[in-house]
Amino acid sequence: MFDFQSLFNPTTADTTMTFGSAVATIVVSILLGIIISLTYMKTNPIGYSQNFTLTMVILPVIVAIIILLIGSNIARAFSLAGAFSIIRFRSAPGDPKDIAYVLFTMAAGLACGVGAFGYAVLFTVILCALMYGLNKFNFGARKSQQKQLKVTIPESLGYEEAFAEVFSQFGVEYELKRVRTTELGSLYELVYSVTFGSSTNQKELLDAIRTRNGNLDISLTMVPSSKGDY
């Protein structure tokens, strides 16, 4: 009779790896990787790459295979650690949620590698449901939008309070971050940090600014993530 409880018990250190157990580990790892990858795509309908979704399918398998190969052999563990230490990954840090998904897939692979298939499936289902629920309810989203506004004005227009009336009219909170001259001092470039409410009509705001700056250049972008970008 099949022992259901065995699915939740990690493989003991003296257990010999068999072909059947290896195949089961790889298959379960692939299935969990696919589930995690599909959850990621569902919670990121716009901003994800195919390479990252494929990586999340393969990563649990790789981690599980490494655990299978190491087993309880300490010498083999040090050998694999030395081999992986010469590998250098030259990728920029991604979104914090992407990093969480990478750790998620690694944890699933580790659970499969030690033979705790029940826990691997349980954790995957719970965390995928949690990720989906948080995304569905838009947890942590700000009601206001903070952006960077660059406006070019002629030198004849005083920049201190040039658009204070316009910002007040549209209910926009603002802070003048930087002022610099352009075109040999004939123009000024103003950089504002602006916060829009959910009801702010950004097009009408830009149109109102254009009527004040003589239809010169205007740029509205997301606030840079690093503090030194202003």
C-alpha atoms as a PDB file:
ATOM      1  CA  MET A   1       0.000   0.000   0.000  1.00  0.00           C
ATOM      2  CA  PHE A   2       1.296   3.467  -0.934  1.00  0.00           C
ATOM      3  CA  ASP A   3       2.500   5.513   2.032  1.00  0.00           C
ATOM      4  CA  PHE A   4       1.200   9.049   1.492  1.00  0.00           C
ATOM      5  CA  GLN A   5       3.212  10.306   4.457  1.00  0.00           C
ATOM      6  CA  SER A   6       6.437   9.424   2.643  1.00  0.00           C
ATOM      7  CA  LEU A   7       5.818  12.299   0.234  1.00  0.00           C
ATOM      8  CA  PHE A   8       6.366  14.717   3.113  1.00  0.00           C
ATOM      9  CA  ASN A   9       9.506  13.061   4.483  1.00  0.00           C
ATOM     10  CA  PRO A  10      12.884  14.076   3.052  1.00  0.00           C
ATOM     11  CA  THR A  11      15.082  11.283   1.757  1.00  0.00           C
ATOM     12  CA  THR A  12      17.458  10.012   4.430  1.00  0.00           C
ATOM     13  CA  ALA A  13      21.179  10.487   4.033  1.00  0.00           C
ATOM     14  CA  ASP A  14      21.908   6.790   3.468  1.00  0.00           C
ATOM     15  CA  THR A  15      19.289   6.328   0.759  1.00  0.00           C
ATOM     16  CA  THR A  16      20.774   5.240  -2.575  1.00  0.00           C
ATOM     17  CA  MET A  17      19.663   7.179  -5.611  1.00  0.00           C
ATOM     18  CA  THR A  18      17.846   5.027  -8.137  1.00  0.00           C
ATOM     19  CA  PHE A  19      16.825   5.646 -11.727  1.00  0.00           C
ATOM     20  CA  GLY A  20      13.166   5.775 -10.771  1.00  0.00           C
ATOM     21  CA  SER A  21      13.700   8.302  -7.984  1.00  0.00           C
ATOM     22  CA  ALA A  22      15.844  10.469 -10.257  1.00  0.00           C
ATOM     23  CA  VAL A  23      13.189  10.508 -12.984  1.00  0.00           C
ATOM     24  CA  ALA A  24      10.465  11.301 -10.431  1.00  0.00           C
ATOM     25  CA  THR A  25      12.550  14.167  -9.030  1.00  0.00           C
ATOM     26  CA  ILE A  26      13.169  15.652 -12.469  1.00  0.00           C
ATOM     27  CA  VAL A  27       9.530  15.332 -13.563  1.00  0.00           C
ATOM     28  CA  VAL A  28       8.151  16.900 -10.368  1.00  0.00           C
ATOM     29  CA  SER A  29      10.737  19.710 -10.581  1.00  0.00           C
ATOM     30  CA  ILE A  30       9.728  20.490 -14.156  1.00  0.00           C
ATOM     31  CA  LEU A  31       6.028  20.537 -13.289  1.00  0.00           C
ATOM     32  CA  LEU A  32       6.587  22.845 -10.327  1.00  0.00           C
ATOM     33  CA  GLY A  33       8.798  25.111 -12.451  1.00  0.00           C
ATOM     34  CA  ILE A  34       6.036  25.355 -15.056  1.00  0.00           C
ATOM     35  CA  ILE A  35       3.455  26.207 -12.377  1.00  0.00           C
ATOM     36  CA  ILE A  36       5.698  28.915 -10.914  1.00  0.00           C
ATOM     37  CA  SER A  37       6.491  30.304 -14.369  1.00  0.00           C
ATOM     38  CA  LEU A  38       2.795  30.436 -15.329  1.00  0.00           C
ATOM     39  CA  THR A  39       2.018  32.237 -12.058  1.00  0.00           C
ATOM     40  CA  TYR A  40       4.753  34.762 -12.819  1.00  0.00           C
ATOM     41  CA  MET A  41       3.361  35.400 -16.307  1.00  0.00           C
ATOM     42  CA  LYS A  42      -0.155  35.739 -14.913  1.00  0.00           C
ATOM     43  CA  THR A  43       0.928  38.304 -12.340  1.00  0.00           C
ATOM     44  CA  ASN A  44       3.136  40.188 -14.852  1.00  0.00           C
ATOM     45  CA  PRO A  45       1.019  40.391 -18.029  1.00  0.00           C
ATOM     46  CA  ILE A  46       3.210  43.123 -19.569  1.00  0.00           C
ATOM     47  CA  GLY A  47       6.676  43.290 -18.098  1.00  0.00           C
ATOM     48  CA  TYR A  48       8.271  39.847 -18.421  1.00  0.00           C
ATOM     49  CA  SER A  49      10.733  38.272 -20.828  1.00  0.00           C
ATOM     50  CA  GLN A  50      10.639  34.815 -22.362  1.00  0.00           C
ATOM     51  CA  ASN A  51      14.176  34.088 -21.180  1.00  0.00           C
ATOM     52  CA  PHE A  52      13.211  34.658 -17.544  1.00  0.00           C
ATOM     53  CA  THR A  53      10.097  32.465 -17.751  1.00  0.00           C
ATOM     54  CA  LEU A  54      12.127  29.657 -19.321  1.00  0.00           C
ATOM     55  CA  THR A  55      14.755  30.036 -16.610  1.00  0.00           C
ATOM     56  CA  MET A  56      12.130  29.518 -13.913  1.00  0.00           C
ATOM     57  CA  VAL A  57      11.140  26.223 -15.543  1.00  0.00           C
ATOM     58  CA  ILE A  58      14.723  24.951 -15.734  1.00  0.00           C
ATOM     59  CA  LEU A  59      16.101  26.278 -12.426  1.00  0.00           C
ATOM     60  CA  PRO A  60      14.214  23.880 -10.084  1.00  0.00           C
ATOM     61  CA  VAL A  61      15.454  20.938 -12.169  1.00  0.00           C
ATOM     62  CA  ILE A  62      19.052  22.149 -12.009  1.00  0.00           C
ATOM     63  CA  VAL A  63      18.913  22.625  -8.235  1.00  0.00           C
ATOM     64  CA  ALA A  64      17.253  19.238  -7.729  1.00  0.00           C
ATOM     65  CA  ILE A  65      19.883  17.487  -9.871  1.00  0.00           C
ATOM     66  CA  ILE A  66      22.682  19.171  -7.901  1.00  0.00           C
ATOM     67  CA  ILE A  67      21.154  17.945  -4.638  1.00  0.00           C
ATOM     68  CA  LEU A  68      20.810  14.439  -6.072  1.00  0.00           C
ATOM     69  CA  LEU A  69      24.432  14.388  -7.206  1.00  0.00           C
ATOM     70  CA  ILE A  70      25.756  15.650  -3.882  1.00  0.00           C
ATOM     71  CA  GLY A  71      23.718  13.364  -1.651  1.00  0.00           C
ATOM     72  CA  SER A  72      25.580  12.878   1.613  1.00  0.00           C
ATOM     73  CA  ASN A  73      29.036  12.946  -0.005  1.00  0.00           C
ATOM     74  CA  ILE A  74      30.944  15.842   1.581  1.00  0.00           C
ATOM     75  CA  ALA A  75      33.865  15.602  -0.854  1.00  0.00           C
ATOM     76  CA  ARG A  76      31.486  15.787  -3.796  1.00  0.00           C
ATOM     77  CA  ALA A  77      29.791  18.820  -2.263  1.00  0.00           C
ATOM     78  CA  PHE A  78      33.096  20.687  -1.996  1.00  0.00           C
ATOM     79  CA  SER A  79      34.003  19.681  -5.563  1.00  0.00           C
ATOM     80  CA  LEU A  80      30.730  21.064  -6.937  1.00  0.00           C
ATOM     81  CA  ALA A  81      31.151  24.234  -4.864  1.00  0.00           C
ATOM     82  CA  GLY A  82      34.593  24.742  -6.369  1.00  0.00           C
ATOM     83  CA  ALA A  83      33.286  24.157  -9.876  1.00  0.00           C
ATOM     84  CA  PHE A  84      30.459  26.653  -9.485  1.00  0.00           C
ATOM     85  CA  SER A  85      32.747  29.261  -7.893  1.00  0.00           C
ATOM     86  CA  ILE A  86      34.491  29.814 -11.244  1.00  0.00           C
ATOM     87  CA  ILE A  87      31.200  30.701 -12.935  1.00  0.00           C
ATOM     88  CA  ARG A  88      30.507  34.418 -13.074  1.00  0.00           C
ATOM     89  CA  PHE A  89      27.054  35.831 -13.679  1.00  0.00           C
ATOM     90  CA  ARG A  90      27.133  39.303 -15.193  1.00  0.00           C
ATOM     91  CA  SER A  91      23.494  40.342 -15.028  1.00  0.00           C
ATOM     92  CA  ALA A  92      22.124  43.511 -13.469  1.00  0.00           C
ATOM     93  CA  PRO A  93      19.939  43.090 -10.371  1.00  0.00           C
ATOM     94  CA  GLY A  94      16.335  42.787 -11.435  1.00  0.00           C
ATOM     95  CA  ASP A  95      13.028  43.685  -9.914  1.00  0.00           C
ATOM     96  CA  PRO A  96      12.680  42.567  -6.267  1.00  0.00           C
ATOM     97  CA  LYS A  97       9.709  40.415  -7.243  1.00  0.00           C
ATOM     98  CA  ASP A  98      11.812  38.693  -9.911  1.00  0.00           C
ATOM     99  CA  ILE A  99      14.455  37.892  -7.296  1.00  0.00           C
ATOM    100  CA  ALA A 100      11.733  36.460  -5.048  1.00  0.00           C
ATOM    101  CA  TYR A 101      10.577  34.186  -7.874  1.00  0.00           C
ATOM    102  CA  VAL A 102      14.160  32.992  -8.426  1.00  0.00           C
ATOM    103  CA  LEU A 103      14.451  32.078  -4.736  1.00  0.00           C
ATOM    104  CA  PHE A 104      11.010  30.463  -4.980  1.00  0.00           C
ATOM    105  CA  THR A 105      12.088  28.169  -7.823  1.00  0.00           C
ATOM    106  CA  MET A 106      15.331  27.303  -6.031  1.00  0.00           C
ATOM    107  CA  ALA A 107      13.400  26.329  -2.900  1.00  0.00           C
ATOM    108  CA  ALA A 108      11.119  24.095  -4.971  1.00  0.00           C
ATOM    109  CA  GLY A 109      14.165  22.440  -6.535  1.00  0.00           C
ATOM    110  CA  LEU A 110      15.782  21.893  -3.136  1.00  0.00           C
ATOM    111  CA  ALA A 111      12.621  20.262  -1.767  1.00  0.00           C
ATOM    112  CA  CYS A 112      12.455  17.955  -4.800  1.00  0.00           C
ATOM    113  CA  GLY A 113      16.160  17.169  -4.546  1.00  0.00           C
ATOM    114  CA  VAL A 114      15.836  15.859  -0.989  1.00  0.00           C
ATOM    115  CA  GLY A 115      12.753  13.837  -1.931  1.00  0.00           C
ATOM    116  CA  ALA A 116      10.157  15.910  -0.063  1.00  0.00           C
ATOM    117  CA  PHE A 117       7.768  16.024  -3.015  1.00  0.00           C
ATOM    118  CA  GLY A 118       4.717  16.629  -0.858  1.00  0.00           C
ATOM    119  CA  TYR A 119       6.217  19.700   0.770  1.00  0.00           C
ATOM    120  CA  ALA A 120       7.481  20.944  -2.603  1.00  0.00           C
ATOM    121  CA  VAL A 121       3.990  20.767  -4.083  1.00  0.00           C
ATOM    122  CA  LEU A 122       2.387  22.216  -0.935  1.00  0.00           C
ATOM    123  CA  PHE A 123       4.744  25.203  -0.756  1.00  0.00           C
ATOM    124  CA  THR A 124       4.435  25.845  -4.484  1.00  0.00           C
ATOM    125  CA  VAL A 125       0.627  25.842  -4.439  1.00  0.00           C
ATOM    126  CA  ILE A 126       0.448  28.089  -1.356  1.00  0.00           C
ATOM    127  CA  LEU A 127       3.016  30.619  -2.606  1.00  0.00           C
ATOM    128  CA  CYS A 128       1.585  30.715  -6.127  1.00  0.00           C
ATOM    129  CA  ALA A 129      -1.867  31.353  -4.694  1.00  0.00           C
ATOM    130  CA  LEU A 130      -0.402  34.048  -2.454  1.00  0.00           C
ATOM    131  CA  MET A 131       1.383  35.739  -5.374  1.00  0.00           C
ATOM    132  CA  TYR A 132      -1.765  35.639  -7.493  1.00  0.00           C
ATOM    133  CA  GLY A 133      -3.942  36.978  -4.671  1.00  0.00           C
ATOM    134  CA  LEU A 134      -1.599  39.868  -3.882  1.00  0.00           C
ATOM    135  CA  ASN A 135      -1.488  40.816  -7.557  1.00  0.00           C
ATOM    136  CA  LYS A 136      -5.261  40.458  -7.942  1.00  0.00           C
ATOM    137  CA  PHE A 137      -5.960  42.859  -5.076  1.00  0.00           C
ATOM    138  CA  ASN A 138      -3.155  45.190  -6.210  1.00  0.00           C
ATOM    139  CA  PHE A 139      -1.542  44.957  -2.791  1.00  0.00           C
ATOM    140  CA  GLY A 140       0.892  47.757  -1.946  1.00  0.00           C
ATOM    141  CA  ALA A 141       0.034  49.934  -4.959  1.00  0.00           C
ATOM    142  CA  ARG A 142       0.171  53.667  -4.402  1.00  0.00           C
ATOM    143  CA  LYS A 143      -2.924  55.713  -5.171  1.00  0.00           C
ATOM    144  CA  SER A 144      -0.760  58.589  -6.372  1.00  0.00           C
ATOM    145  CA  GLN A 145       1.835  58.607  -9.150  1.00  0.00           C
ATOM    146  CA  GLN A 146       5.203  60.279  -8.722  1.00  0.00           C
ATOM    147  CA  LYS A 147       6.960  61.348 -11.909  1.00  0.00           C
ATOM    148  CA  GLN A 148       9.685  63.660 -13.152  1.00  0.00           C
ATOM    149  CA  LEU A 149       8.714  66.706 -15.188  1.00  0.00           C
ATOM    150  CA  LYS A 150      11.251  68.604 -17.301  1.00  0.00           C
ATOM    151  CA  VAL A 151      10.144  71.958 -18.684  1.00  0.00           C
ATOM    152  CA  THR A 152      12.105  74.375 -20.880  1.00  0.00           C
ATOM    153  CA  ILE A 153      11.241  78.032 -20.411  1.00  0.00           C
ATOM    154  CA  PRO A 154      12.536  81.287 -21.941  1.00  0.00           C
ATOM    155  CA  GLU A 155      14.886  83.411 -19.840  1.00  0.00           C
ATOM    156  CA  SER A 156      12.231  86.117 -19.611  1.00  0.00           C
ATOM    157  CA  LEU A 157       9.970  83.834 -17.520  1.00  0.00           C
ATOM    158  CA  GLY A 158      10.786  83.677 -13.817  1.00  0.00           C
ATOM    159  CA  TYR A 159      11.300  80.048 -12.868  1.00  0.00           C
ATOM    160  CA  GLU A 160      10.644  80.320  -9.118  1.00  0.00           C
ATOM    161  CA  GLU A 161       6.852  80.375  -9.382  1.00  0.00           C
ATOM    162  CA  ALA A 162       6.428  79.898 -13.128  1.00  0.00           C
ATOM    163  CA  PHE A 163       3.916  77.040 -12.889  1.00  0.00           C
ATOM    164  CA  ALA A 164       2.711  77.261  -9.300  1.00  0.00           C
ATOM    165  CA  GLU A 165      -0.742  78.358 -10.414  1.00  0.00           C
ATOM    166  CA  VAL A 166      -1.022  75.535 -12.937  1.00  0.00           C
ATOM    167  CA  PHE A 167       0.029  72.907 -10.395  1.00  0.00           C
ATOM    168  CA  SER A 168      -2.439  74.300  -7.870  1.00  0.00           C
ATOM    169  CA  GLN A 169      -5.251  74.228 -10.454  1.00  0.00           C
ATOM    170  CA  PHE A 170      -4.725  70.505 -11.150  1.00  0.00           C
ATOM    171  CA  GLY A 171      -4.025  69.555  -7.542  1.00  0.00           C
ATOM    172  CA  VAL A 172      -0.446  68.468  -8.258  1.00  0.00           C
ATOM    173  CA  GLU A 173       2.150  68.369  -5.515  1.00  0.00           C
ATOM    174  CA  TYR A 174       5.528  69.496  -6.822  1.00  0.00           C
ATOM    175  CA  GLU A 175       9.104  70.208  -5.822  1.00  0.00           C
ATOM    176  CA  LEU A 176      11.668  72.005  -7.971  1.00  0.00           C
ATOM    177  CA  LYS A 177      14.714  69.740  -8.057  1.00  0.00           C
ATOM    178  CA  ARG A 178      17.081  71.331 -10.542  1.00  0.00           C
ATOM    179  CA  VAL A 179      17.537  74.419 -12.711  1.00  0.00           C
ATOM    180  CA  ARG A 180      20.079  74.737 -15.513  1.00  0.00           C
ATOM    181  CA  THR A 181      20.607  76.985 -18.512  1.00  0.00           C
ATOM    182  CA  THR A 182      20.616  75.794 -22.122  1.00  0.00           C
ATOM    183  CA  GLU A 183      21.147  77.333 -25.566  1.00  0.00           C
ATOM    184  CA  LEU A 184      23.963  79.613 -24.313  1.00  0.00           C
ATOM    185  CA  GLY A 185      21.834  80.888 -21.444  1.00  0.00           C
ATOM    186  CA  SER A 186      18.829  81.891 -23.532  1.00  0.00           C
ATOM    187  CA  LEU A 187      16.668  79.104 -22.065  1.00  0.00           C
ATOM    188  CA  TYR A 188      16.210  77.449 -18.675  1.00  0.00           C
ATOM    189  CA  GLU A 189      15.497  73.771 -18.048  1.00  0.00           C
ATOM    190  CA  LEU A 190      13.455  73.109 -14.902  1.00  0.00           C
ATOM    191  CA  VAL A 191      13.246  69.637 -13.358  1.00  0.00           C
ATOM    192  CA  TYR A 192      10.294  68.994 -11.026  1.00  0.00           C
ATOM    193  CA  SER A 193       9.311  66.031  -8.913  1.00  0.00           C
ATOM    194  CA  VAL A 194       5.524  65.934  -9.282  1.00  0.00           C
ATOM    195  CA  THR A 195       2.883  63.747  -7.649  1.00  0.00           C
ATOM    196  CA  PHE A 196      -0.373  63.137  -9.507  1.00  0.00           C
ATOM    197  CA  GLY A 197      -3.637  62.062  -7.965  1.00  0.00           C
ATOM    198  CA  SER A 198      -5.807  59.367  -9.532  1.00  0.00           C
ATOM    199  CA  SER A 199      -8.113  62.003 -11.052  1.00  0.00           C
ATOM    200  CA  THR A 200      -5.403  64.230 -12.553  1.00  0.00           C
ATOM    201  CA  ASN A 201      -5.693  64.691 -16.321  1.00  0.00           C
ATOM    202  CA  GLN A 202      -2.045  64.677 -17.339  1.00  0.00           C
ATOM    203  CA  LYS A 203      -2.694  65.792 -20.933  1.00  0.00           C
ATOM    204  CA  GLU A 204      -4.614  68.856 -19.818  1.00  0.00           C
ATOM    205  CA  LEU A 205      -1.834  69.652 -17.348  1.00  0.00           C
ATOM    206  CA  LEU A 206       0.828  69.488 -20.068  1.00  0.00           C
ATOM    207  CA  ASP A 207      -1.325  71.625 -22.364  1.00  0.00           C
ATOM    208  CA  ALA A 208      -1.628  74.253 -19.638  1.00  0.00           C
ATOM    209  CA  ILE A 209       2.147  74.228 -19.146  1.00  0.00           C
ATOM    210  CA  ARG A 210       2.720  74.577 -22.900  1.00  0.00           C
ATOM    211  CA  THR A 211       0.701  77.769 -22.985  1.00  0.00           C
ATOM    212  CA  ARG A 212       3.018  79.216 -20.351  1.00  0.00           C
ATOM    213  CA  ASN A 213       6.410  78.157 -21.686  1.00  0.00           C
ATOM    214  CA  GLY A 214       5.781  79.166 -25.284  1.00  0.00           C
ATOM    215  CA  ASN A 215       5.384  75.573 -26.537  1.00  0.00           C
ATOM    216  CA  LEU A 216       9.001  74.705 -25.735  1.00  0.00           C
ATOM    217  CA  ASP A 217      10.163  71.202 -24.812  1.00  0.00           C
ATOM    218  CA  ILE A 218       8.324  69.289 -22.059  1.00  0.00           C
ATOM    219  CA  SER A 219       9.231  65.811 -20.803  1.00  0.00           C
ATOM    220  CA  LEU A 220       7.255  63.698 -18.333  1.00  0.00           C
ATOM    221  CA  THR A 221       8.895  60.456 -17.139  1.00  0.00           C
ATOM    222  CA  MET A 222       8.843  58.067 -14.201  1.00  0.00           C
ATOM    223  CA  VAL A 223      10.955  59.099 -11.230  1.00  0.00           C
ATOM    224  CA  PRO A 224      14.416  57.510 -11.457  1.00  0.00           C
ATOM    225  CA  SER A 225      15.009  54.743  -8.906  1.00  0.00           C
ATOM    226  CA  SER A 226      18.436  55.989  -7.821  1.00  0.00           C
ATOM    227  CA  LYS A 227      18.773  59.145  -5.774  1.00  0.00           C
ATOM    228  CA  GLY A 228      21.600  60.507  -7.864  1.00  0.00           C
ATOM    229  CA  ASP A 229      19.659  60.693 -11.124  1.00  0.00           C
ATOM    230  CA  TYR A 230      18.285  64.170 -10.580  1.00  0.00           C
END
